[in-house]
PDB file of N, CA and C in Angstrom:
ATOM      1  N   MET A   1      94.249 109.136 118.865  1.00  0.00           N
ATOM      2  CA  MET A   1      94.465 109.101 117.440  1.00  0.00           C
ATOM      3  C   MET A   1      93.560 108.027 116.823  1.00  0.00           C
ATOM      4  N   PRO A   2      92.902 108.325 115.705  1.00  0.00           N
ATOM      5  CA  PRO A   2      92.015 107.328 115.075  1.00  0.00           C
ATOM      6  C   PRO A   2      92.787 106.076 114.652  1.00  0.00           C
ATOM      7  N   GLU A   3      92.097 104.930 114.748  1.00  0.00           N
ATOM      8  CA  GLU A   3      92.708 103.658 114.357  1.00  0.00           C
ATOM      9  C   GLU A   3      91.944 103.063 113.181  1.00  0.00           C
ATOM     10  N   TYR A   4      92.659 102.330 112.349  1.00  0.00           N
ATOM     11  CA  TYR A   4      92.096 101.779 111.120  1.00  0.00           C
ATOM     12  C   TYR A   4      92.559 100.340 110.919  1.00  0.00           C
ATOM     13  N   LYS A   5      91.712  99.596 110.227  1.00  0.00           N
ATOM     14  CA  LYS A   5      92.088  98.262 109.758  1.00  0.00           C
ATOM     15  C   LYS A   5      92.216  98.366 108.243  1.00  0.00           C
ATOM     16  N   ALA A   6      93.376  97.993 107.736  1.00  0.00           N
ATOM     17  CA  ALA A   6      93.615  97.999 106.299  1.00  0.00           C
ATOM     18  C   ALA A   6      93.685  96.556 105.813  1.00  0.00           C
ATOM     19  N   VAL A   7      93.093  96.301 104.662  1.00  0.00           N
ATOM     20  CA  VAL A   7      93.167  94.986 104.033  1.00  0.00           C
ATOM     21  C   VAL A   7      93.748  95.178 102.635  1.00  0.00           C
ATOM     22  N   VAL A   8      94.823  94.459 102.366  1.00  0.00           N
ATOM     23  CA  VAL A   8      95.482  94.526 101.066  1.00  0.00           C
ATOM     24  C   VAL A   8      95.319  93.166 100.395  1.00  0.00           C
ATOM     25  N   LYS A   9      94.858  93.181  99.147  1.00  0.00           N
ATOM     26  CA  LYS A   9      94.721  91.944  98.368  1.00  0.00           C
ATOM     27  C   LYS A   9      95.667  92.028  97.176  1.00  0.00           C
ATOM     28  N   VAL A  10      96.470  90.987  97.012  1.00  0.00           N
ATOM     29  CA  VAL A  10      97.462  90.940  95.939  1.00  0.00           C
ATOM     30  C   VAL A  10      97.212  89.680  95.118  1.00  0.00           C
ATOM     31  N   MET A  11      97.089  89.852  93.804  1.00  0.00           N
ATOM     32  CA  MET A  11      96.877  88.724  92.892  1.00  0.00           C
ATOM     33  C   MET A  11      97.847  88.833  91.719  1.00  0.00           C
ATOM     34  N   ILE A  12      98.332  87.691  91.263  1.00  0.00           N
ATOM     35  CA  ILE A  12      99.147  87.679  90.051  1.00  0.00           C
ATOM     36  C   ILE A  12      98.264  88.152  88.899  1.00  0.00           C
ATOM     37  N   LYS A  13      98.819  88.969  88.020  1.00  0.00           N
ATOM     38  CA  LYS A  13      98.047  89.478  86.881  1.00  0.00           C
ATOM     39  C   LYS A  13      97.533  88.310  86.043  1.00  0.00           C
ATOM     40  N   LYS A  14      96.365  88.502  85.464  1.00  0.00           N
ATOM     41  CA  LYS A  14      95.734  87.429  84.685  1.00  0.00           C
ATOM     42  C   LYS A  14      96.570  87.017  83.484  1.00  0.00           C
ATOM     43  N   SER A  15      97.412  87.924  83.000  1.00  0.00           N
ATOM     44  CA  SER A  15      98.245  87.607  81.834  1.00  0.00           C
ATOM     45  C   SER A  15      99.475  86.771  82.196  1.00  0.00           C
ATOM     46  N   ILE A  16      99.679  86.519  83.486  1.00  0.00           N
ATOM     47  CA  ILE A  16     100.851  85.769  83.950  1.00  0.00           C
ATOM     48  C   ILE A  16     100.406  84.417  84.505  1.00  0.00           C
ATOM     49  N   LEU A  17     101.119  83.375  84.131  1.00  0.00           N
ATOM     50  CA  LEU A  17     100.813  82.025  84.605  1.00  0.00           C
ATOM     51  C   LEU A  17     100.924  81.961  86.126  1.00  0.00           C
ATOM     52  N   ASP A  18      99.959  81.311  86.765  1.00  0.00           N
ATOM     53  CA  ASP A  18      99.953  81.148  88.223  1.00  0.00           C
ATOM     54  C   ASP A  18     100.181  79.667  88.534  1.00  0.00           C
ATOM     55  N   PRO A  19     101.437  79.230  88.678  1.00  0.00           N
ATOM     56  CA  PRO A  19     101.703  77.810  88.896  1.00  0.00           C
ATOM     57  C   PRO A  19     101.103  77.278  90.193  1.00  0.00           C
ATOM     58  N   GLN A  20     101.072  78.085  91.237  1.00  0.00           N
ATOM     59  CA  GLN A  20     100.482  77.627  92.501  1.00  0.00           C
ATOM     60  C   GLN A  20      98.978  77.423  92.332  1.00  0.00           C
ATOM     61  N   GLY A  21      98.320  78.342  91.661  1.00  0.00           N
ATOM     62  CA  GLY A  21      96.888  78.198  91.400  1.00  0.00           C
ATOM     63  C   GLY A  21      96.594  76.968  90.560  1.00  0.00           C
ATOM     64  N   ARG A  22      97.442  76.733  89.555  1.00  0.00           N
ATOM     65  CA  ARG A  22      97.272  75.544  88.702  1.00  0.00           C
ATOM     66  C   ARG A  22      97.409  74.267  89.498  1.00  0.00           C
ATOM     67  N   ALA A  23      98.396  74.220  90.395  1.00  0.00           N
ATOM     68  CA  ALA A  23      98.627  73.020  91.204  1.00  0.00           C
ATOM     69  C   ALA A  23      97.440  72.757  92.127  1.00  0.00           C
ATOM     70  N   VAL A  24      96.916  73.798  92.747  1.00  0.00           N
ATOM     71  CA  VAL A  24      95.759  73.638  93.633  1.00  0.00           C
ATOM     72  C   VAL A  24      94.546  73.184  92.829  1.00  0.00           C
ATOM     73  N   GLU A  25      94.329  73.794  91.670  1.00  0.00           N
ATOM     74  CA  GLU A  25      93.193  73.409  90.825  1.00  0.00           C
ATOM     75  C   GLU A  25      93.301  71.946  90.394  1.00  0.00           C
ATOM     76  N   THR A  26      94.485  71.511  89.983  1.00  0.00           N
ATOM     77  CA  THR A  26      94.694  70.123  89.566  1.00  0.00           C
ATOM     78  C   THR A  26      94.391  69.162  90.708  1.00  0.00           C
ATOM     79  N   THR A  27      94.869  69.486  91.896  1.00  0.00           N
ATOM     80  CA  THR A  27      94.624  68.632  93.065  1.00  0.00           C
ATOM     81  C   THR A  27      93.137  68.558  93.378  1.00  0.00           C
ATOM     82  N   LEU A  28      92.460  69.687  93.361  1.00  0.00           N
ATOM     83  CA  LEU A  28      91.024  69.696  93.659  1.00  0.00           C
ATOM     84  C   LEU A  28      90.237  68.894  92.622  1.00  0.00           C
ATOM     85  N   LYS A  29      90.625  68.994  91.361  1.00  0.00           N
ATOM     86  CA  LYS A  29      89.943  68.219  90.318  1.00  0.00           C
ATOM     87  C   LYS A  29      90.163  66.722  90.524  1.00  0.00           C
ATOM     88  N   ARG A  30      91.384  66.350  90.944  1.00  0.00           N
ATOM     89  CA  ARG A  30      91.653  64.943  91.236  1.00  0.00           C
ATOM     90  C   ARG A  30      90.805  64.437  92.396  1.00  0.00           C
ATOM     91  N   LEU A  31      90.448  65.324  93.294  1.00  0.00           N
ATOM     92  CA  LEU A  31      89.615  64.960  94.446  1.00  0.00           C
ATOM     93  C   LEU A  31      88.122  64.979  94.115  1.00  0.00           C
ATOM     94  N   GLY A  32      87.797  65.234  92.844  1.00  0.00           N
ATOM     95  CA  GLY A  32      86.408  65.150  92.425  1.00  0.00           C
ATOM     96  C   GLY A  32      85.708  66.481  92.211  1.00  0.00           C
ATOM     97  N   HIS A  33      86.385  67.573  92.419  1.00  0.00           N
ATOM     98  CA  HIS A  33      85.784  68.899  92.224  1.00  0.00           C
ATOM     99  C   HIS A  33      86.022  69.329  90.775  1.00  0.00           C
ATOM    100  N   LYS A  34      85.212  68.798  89.881  1.00  0.00           N
ATOM    101  CA  LYS A  34      85.447  68.962  88.447  1.00  0.00           C
ATOM    102  C   LYS A  34      84.962  70.298  87.891  1.00  0.00           C
ATOM    103  N   ASN A  35      84.171  71.043  88.658  1.00  0.00           N
ATOM    104  CA  ASN A  35      83.560  72.260  88.127  1.00  0.00           C
ATOM    105  C   ASN A  35      84.415  73.512  88.373  1.00  0.00           C
ATOM    106  N   LEU A  36      85.716  73.361  88.572  1.00  0.00           N
ATOM    107  CA  LEU A  36      86.607  74.491  88.826  1.00  0.00           C
ATOM    108  C   LEU A  36      87.310  74.914  87.548  1.00  0.00           C
ATOM    109  N   GLU A  37      87.506  76.221  87.398  1.00  0.00           N
ATOM    110  CA  GLU A  37      88.263  76.744  86.265  1.00  0.00           C
ATOM    111  C   GLU A  37      89.038  77.975  86.701  1.00  0.00           C
ATOM    112  N   ASN A  38      90.229  78.128  86.177  1.00  0.00           N
ATOM    113  CA  ASN A  38      91.034  79.336  86.377  1.00  0.00           C
ATOM    114  C   ASN A  38      91.252  79.693  87.841  1.00  0.00           C
ATOM    115  N   LEU A  39      91.537  78.722  88.677  1.00  0.00           N
ATOM    116  CA  LEU A  39      91.814  78.989  90.081  1.00  0.00           C
ATOM    117  C   LEU A  39      93.126  79.763  90.187  1.00  0.00           C
ATOM    118  N   ARG A  40      93.117  80.823  90.975  1.00  0.00           N
ATOM    119  CA  ARG A  40      94.306  81.651  91.176  1.00  0.00           C
ATOM    120  C   ARG A  40      94.540  81.822  92.666  1.00  0.00           C
ATOM    121  N   VAL A  41      95.780  81.874  93.057  1.00  0.00           N
ATOM    122  CA  VAL A  41      96.145  82.029  94.463  1.00  0.00           C
ATOM    123  C   VAL A  41      96.756  83.419  94.652  1.00  0.00           C
ATOM    124  N   GLY A  42      96.343  84.089  95.710  1.00  0.00           N
ATOM    125  CA  GLY A  42      96.871  85.421  95.993  1.00  0.00           C
ATOM    126  C   GLY A  42      97.175  85.582  97.469  1.00  0.00           C
ATOM    127  N   LYS A  43      97.354  86.833  97.878  1.00  0.00           N
ATOM    128  CA  LYS A  43      97.665  87.146  99.270  1.00  0.00           C
ATOM    129  C   LYS A  43      96.598  88.073  99.841  1.00  0.00           C
ATOM    130  N   HIS A  44      96.231  87.840 101.083  1.00  0.00           N
ATOM    131  CA  HIS A  44      95.306  88.680 101.847  1.00  0.00           C
ATOM    132  C   HIS A  44      96.089  89.149 103.068  1.00  0.00           C
ATOM    133  N   ILE A  45      96.338  90.445 103.155  1.00  0.00           N
ATOM    134  CA  ILE A  45      97.190  90.990 104.214  1.00  0.00           C
ATOM    135  C   ILE A  45      96.386  92.006 105.016  1.00  0.00           C
ATOM    136  N   GLU A  46      96.412  91.885 106.343  1.00  0.00           N
ATOM    137  CA  GLU A  46      95.720  92.835 107.215  1.00  0.00           C
ATOM    138  C   GLU A  46      96.748  93.636 107.998  1.00  0.00           C
ATOM    139  N   LEU A  47      96.512  94.938 108.087  1.00  0.00           N
ATOM    140  CA  LEU A  47      97.370  95.831 108.864  1.00  0.00           C
ATOM    141  C   LEU A  47      96.475  96.680 109.755  1.00  0.00           C
ATOM    142  N   PHE A  48      96.946  96.998 110.927  1.00  0.00           N
ATOM    143  CA  PHE A  48      96.236  97.915 111.807  1.00  0.00           C
ATOM    144  C   PHE A  48      97.108  99.158 111.931  1.00  0.00           C
ATOM    145  N   MET A  49      96.506 100.308 111.630  1.00  0.00           N
ATOM    146  CA  MET A  49      97.255 101.553 111.557  1.00  0.00           C
ATOM    147  C   MET A  49      96.546 102.628 112.374  1.00  0.00           C
ATOM    148  N   SER A  50      97.293 103.643 112.776  1.00  0.00           N
ATOM    149  CA  SER A  50      96.684 104.765 113.477  1.00  0.00           C
ATOM    150  C   SER A  50      97.243 106.061 112.912  1.00  0.00           C
ATOM    151  N   GLY A  51      96.456 107.120 113.018  1.00  0.00           N
ATOM    152  CA  GLY A  51      96.871 108.428 112.524  1.00  0.00           C
ATOM    153  C   GLY A  51      95.707 109.134 111.870  1.00  0.00           C
ATOM    154  N   GLU A  52      95.995 110.280 111.302  1.00  0.00           N
ATOM    155  CA  GLU A  52      94.962 111.021 110.582  1.00  0.00           C
ATOM    156  C   GLU A  52      94.665 110.298 109.270  1.00  0.00           C
ATOM    157  N   GLN A  53      93.390 110.266 108.896  1.00  0.00           N
ATOM    158  CA  GLN A  53      92.949 109.434 107.777  1.00  0.00           C
ATOM    159  C   GLN A  53      93.719 109.715 106.488  1.00  0.00           C
ATOM    160  N   ALA A  54      93.895 110.968 106.129  1.00  0.00           N
ATOM    161  CA  ALA A  54      94.581 111.282 104.867  1.00  0.00           C
ATOM    162  C   ALA A  54      96.009 110.737 104.866  1.00  0.00           C
ATOM    163  N   GLU A  55      96.700 110.872 105.984  1.00  0.00           N
ATOM    164  CA  GLU A  55      98.076 110.386 106.076  1.00  0.00           C
ATOM    165  C   GLU A  55      98.125 108.854 106.061  1.00  0.00           C
ATOM    166  N   VAL A  56      97.176 108.217 106.749  1.00  0.00           N
ATOM    167  CA  VAL A  56      97.116 106.752 106.772  1.00  0.00           C
ATOM    168  C   VAL A  56      96.820 106.222 105.371  1.00  0.00           C
ATOM    169  N   GLU A  57      95.896 106.866 104.646  1.00  0.00           N
ATOM    170  CA  GLU A  57      95.574 106.441 103.277  1.00  0.00           C
ATOM    171  C   GLU A  57      96.801 106.539 102.374  1.00  0.00           C
ATOM    172  N   LYS A  58      97.538 107.631 102.506  1.00  0.00           N
ATOM    173  CA  LYS A  58      98.746 107.823 101.699  1.00  0.00           C
ATOM    174  C   LYS A  58      99.791 106.754 102.034  1.00  0.00           C
ATOM    175  N   GLN A  59      99.982 106.502 103.317  1.00  0.00           N
ATOM    176  CA  GLN A  59     100.948 105.498 103.762  1.00  0.00           C
ATOM    177  C   GLN A  59     100.540 104.105 103.277  1.00  0.00           C
ATOM    178  N   LEU A  60      99.258 103.779 103.370  1.00  0.00           N
ATOM    179  CA  LEU A  60      98.765 102.477 102.923  1.00  0.00           C
ATOM    180  C   LEU A  60      99.003 102.287 101.431  1.00  0.00           C
ATOM    181  N   ALA A  61      98.711 103.310 100.638  1.00  0.00           N
ATOM    182  CA  ALA A  61      98.927 103.213  99.193  1.00  0.00           C
ATOM    183  C   ALA A  61     100.393 102.935  98.884  1.00  0.00           C
ATOM    184  N   GLU A  62     101.278 103.621  99.585  1.00  0.00           N
ATOM    185  CA  GLU A  62     102.714 103.413  99.364  1.00  0.00           C
ATOM    186  C   GLU A  62     103.143 102.003  99.768  1.00  0.00           C
ATOM    187  N   ILE A  63     102.700 101.558 100.931  1.00  0.00           N
ATOM    188  CA  ILE A  63     103.054 100.218 101.411  1.00  0.00           C
ATOM    189  C   ILE A  63     102.532  99.147 100.456  1.00  0.00           C
ATOM    190  N   ALA A  64     101.278  99.287 100.034  1.00  0.00           N
ATOM    191  CA  ALA A  64     100.645  98.275  99.186  1.00  0.00           C
ATOM    192  C   ALA A  64     101.303  98.174  97.816  1.00  0.00           C
ATOM    193  N   THR A  65     101.689  99.323  97.255  1.00  0.00           N
ATOM    194  CA  THR A  65     102.203  99.309  95.887  1.00  0.00           C
ATOM    195  C   THR A  65     103.713  99.173  95.780  1.00  0.00           C
ATOM    196  N   THR A  66     104.444  99.409  96.877  1.00  0.00           N
ATOM    197  CA  THR A  66     105.906  99.325  96.777  1.00  0.00           C
ATOM    198  C   THR A  66     106.525  98.201  97.600  1.00  0.00           C
ATOM    199  N   VAL A  67     105.843  97.761  98.663  1.00  0.00           N
ATOM    200  CA  VAL A  67     106.426  96.735  99.531  1.00  0.00           C
ATOM    201  C   VAL A  67     105.673  95.409  99.432  1.00  0.00           C
ATOM    202  N   LEU A  68     104.349  95.466  99.478  1.00  0.00           N
ATOM    203  CA  LEU A  68     103.546  94.240  99.546  1.00  0.00           C
ATOM    204  C   LEU A  68     103.231  93.638  98.183  1.00  0.00           C
ATOM    205  N   SER A  69     103.534  94.349  97.109  1.00  0.00           N
ATOM    206  CA  SER A  69     103.233  93.815  95.779  1.00  0.00           C
ATOM    207  C   SER A  69     104.316  94.223  94.790  1.00  0.00           C
ATOM    208  N   ASN A  70     104.347  93.498  93.692  1.00  0.00           N
ATOM    209  CA  ASN A  70     105.237  93.809  92.580  1.00  0.00           C
ATOM    210  C   ASN A  70     104.342  94.263  91.432  1.00  0.00           C
ATOM    211  N   PRO A  71     104.271  95.577  91.162  1.00  0.00           N
ATOM    212  CA  PRO A  71     103.324  96.074  90.162  1.00  0.00           C
ATOM    213  C   PRO A  71     103.559  95.546  88.749  1.00  0.00           C
ATOM    214  N   ILE A  72     104.722  94.998  88.486  1.00  0.00           N
ATOM    215  CA  ILE A  72     104.988  94.440  87.161  1.00  0.00           C
ATOM    216  C   ILE A  72     104.238  93.122  86.982  1.00  0.00           C
ATOM    217  N   MET A  73     104.149  92.328  88.053  1.00  0.00           N
ATOM    218  CA  MET A  73     103.553  90.995  87.963  1.00  0.00           C
ATOM    219  C   MET A  73     102.225  90.851  88.696  1.00  0.00           C
ATOM    220  N   GLU A  74     101.896  91.795  89.581  1.00  0.00           N
ATOM    221  CA  GLU A  74     100.737  91.612  90.451  1.00  0.00           C
ATOM    222  C   GLU A  74      99.802  92.823  90.414  1.00  0.00           C
ATOM    223  N   ASP A  75      98.520  92.531  90.588  1.00  0.00           N
ATOM    224  CA  ASP A  75      97.513  93.569  90.796  1.00  0.00           C
ATOM    225  C   ASP A  75      97.292  93.689  92.290  1.00  0.00           C
ATOM    226  N   VAL A  76      97.069  94.899  92.763  1.00  0.00           N
ATOM    227  CA  VAL A  76      96.866  95.115  94.191  1.00  0.00           C
ATOM    228  C   VAL A  76      95.637  95.995  94.402  1.00  0.00           C
ATOM    229  N   SER A  77      94.883  95.673  95.429  1.00  0.00           N
ATOM    230  CA  SER A  77      93.774  96.527  95.856  1.00  0.00           C
ATOM    231  C   SER A  77      93.803  96.576  97.374  1.00  0.00           C
ATOM    232  N   TYR A  78      93.236  97.628  97.924  1.00  0.00           N
ATOM    233  CA  TYR A  78      93.249  97.761  99.377  1.00  0.00           C
ATOM    234  C   TYR A  78      92.045  98.561  99.843  1.00  0.00           C
ATOM    235  N   THR A  79      91.658  98.297 101.085  1.00  0.00           N
ATOM    236  CA  THR A  79      90.565  99.025 101.721  1.00  0.00           C
ATOM    237  C   THR A  79      91.034  99.482 103.090  1.00  0.00           C
ATOM    238  N   LEU A  80      90.394 100.534 103.568  1.00  0.00           N
ATOM    239  CA  LEU A  80      90.716 101.083 104.877  1.00  0.00           C
ATOM    240  C   LEU A  80      89.408 101.283 105.623  1.00  0.00           C
ATOM    241  N   GLU A  81      89.324 100.711 106.811  1.00  0.00           N
ATOM    242  CA  GLU A  81      88.100 100.767 107.618  1.00  0.00           C
ATOM    243  C   GLU A  81      88.426 101.399 108.966  1.00  0.00           C
ATOM    244  N   ALA A  82      87.675 102.439 109.324  1.00  0.00           N
ATOM    245  CA  ALA A  82      87.863 103.076 110.628  1.00  0.00           C
ATOM    246  C   ALA A  82      87.353 102.143 111.719  1.00  0.00           C
ATOM    247  N   LEU A  83      88.123 102.019 112.790  1.00  0.00           N
ATOM    248  CA  LEU A  83      87.733 101.182 113.920  1.00  0.00           C
ATOM    249  C   LEU A  83      87.089 102.052 114.990  1.00  0.00           C
ATOM    250  N   GLU A  84      86.106 101.492 115.656  1.00  0.00           N
ATOM    251  CA  GLU A  84      85.447 102.200 116.750  1.00  0.00           C
ATOM    252  C   GLU A  84      86.369 102.223 117.962  1.00  0.00           C
ATOM    253  N   PRO A  85      86.421 103.344 118.674  1.00  0.00           N
ATOM    254  CA  PRO A  85      87.237 103.375 119.892  1.00  0.00           C
ATOM    255  C   PRO A  85      86.744 102.346 120.905  1.00  0.00           C
ATOM    256  N   ALA A  86      87.677 101.724 121.604  1.00  0.00           N
ATOM    257  CA  ALA A  86      87.320 100.682 122.579  1.00  0.00           C
ATOM    258  C   ALA A  86      86.744 101.282 123.837  1.00  0.00           C
TER     259      ALA A  86
END
């Protein structure tokens, strides 16, 4: 069965305050990194899946949009890469 590596990226929507991003940006500026603006913190999630590509794509879309993210507050994107057989 074909195997895939999926990468899901989740970010708080730009219209919503990101307190964690603000805290990191403030700390970095205090450390002398003055050229930073609008730092945002998100999630990078990797999954390894197997199956037929169409079914894996459908499953990934469902997982990314219903379990790994909150569509009301977060934007989500994902990619699927076929892995070479070992």
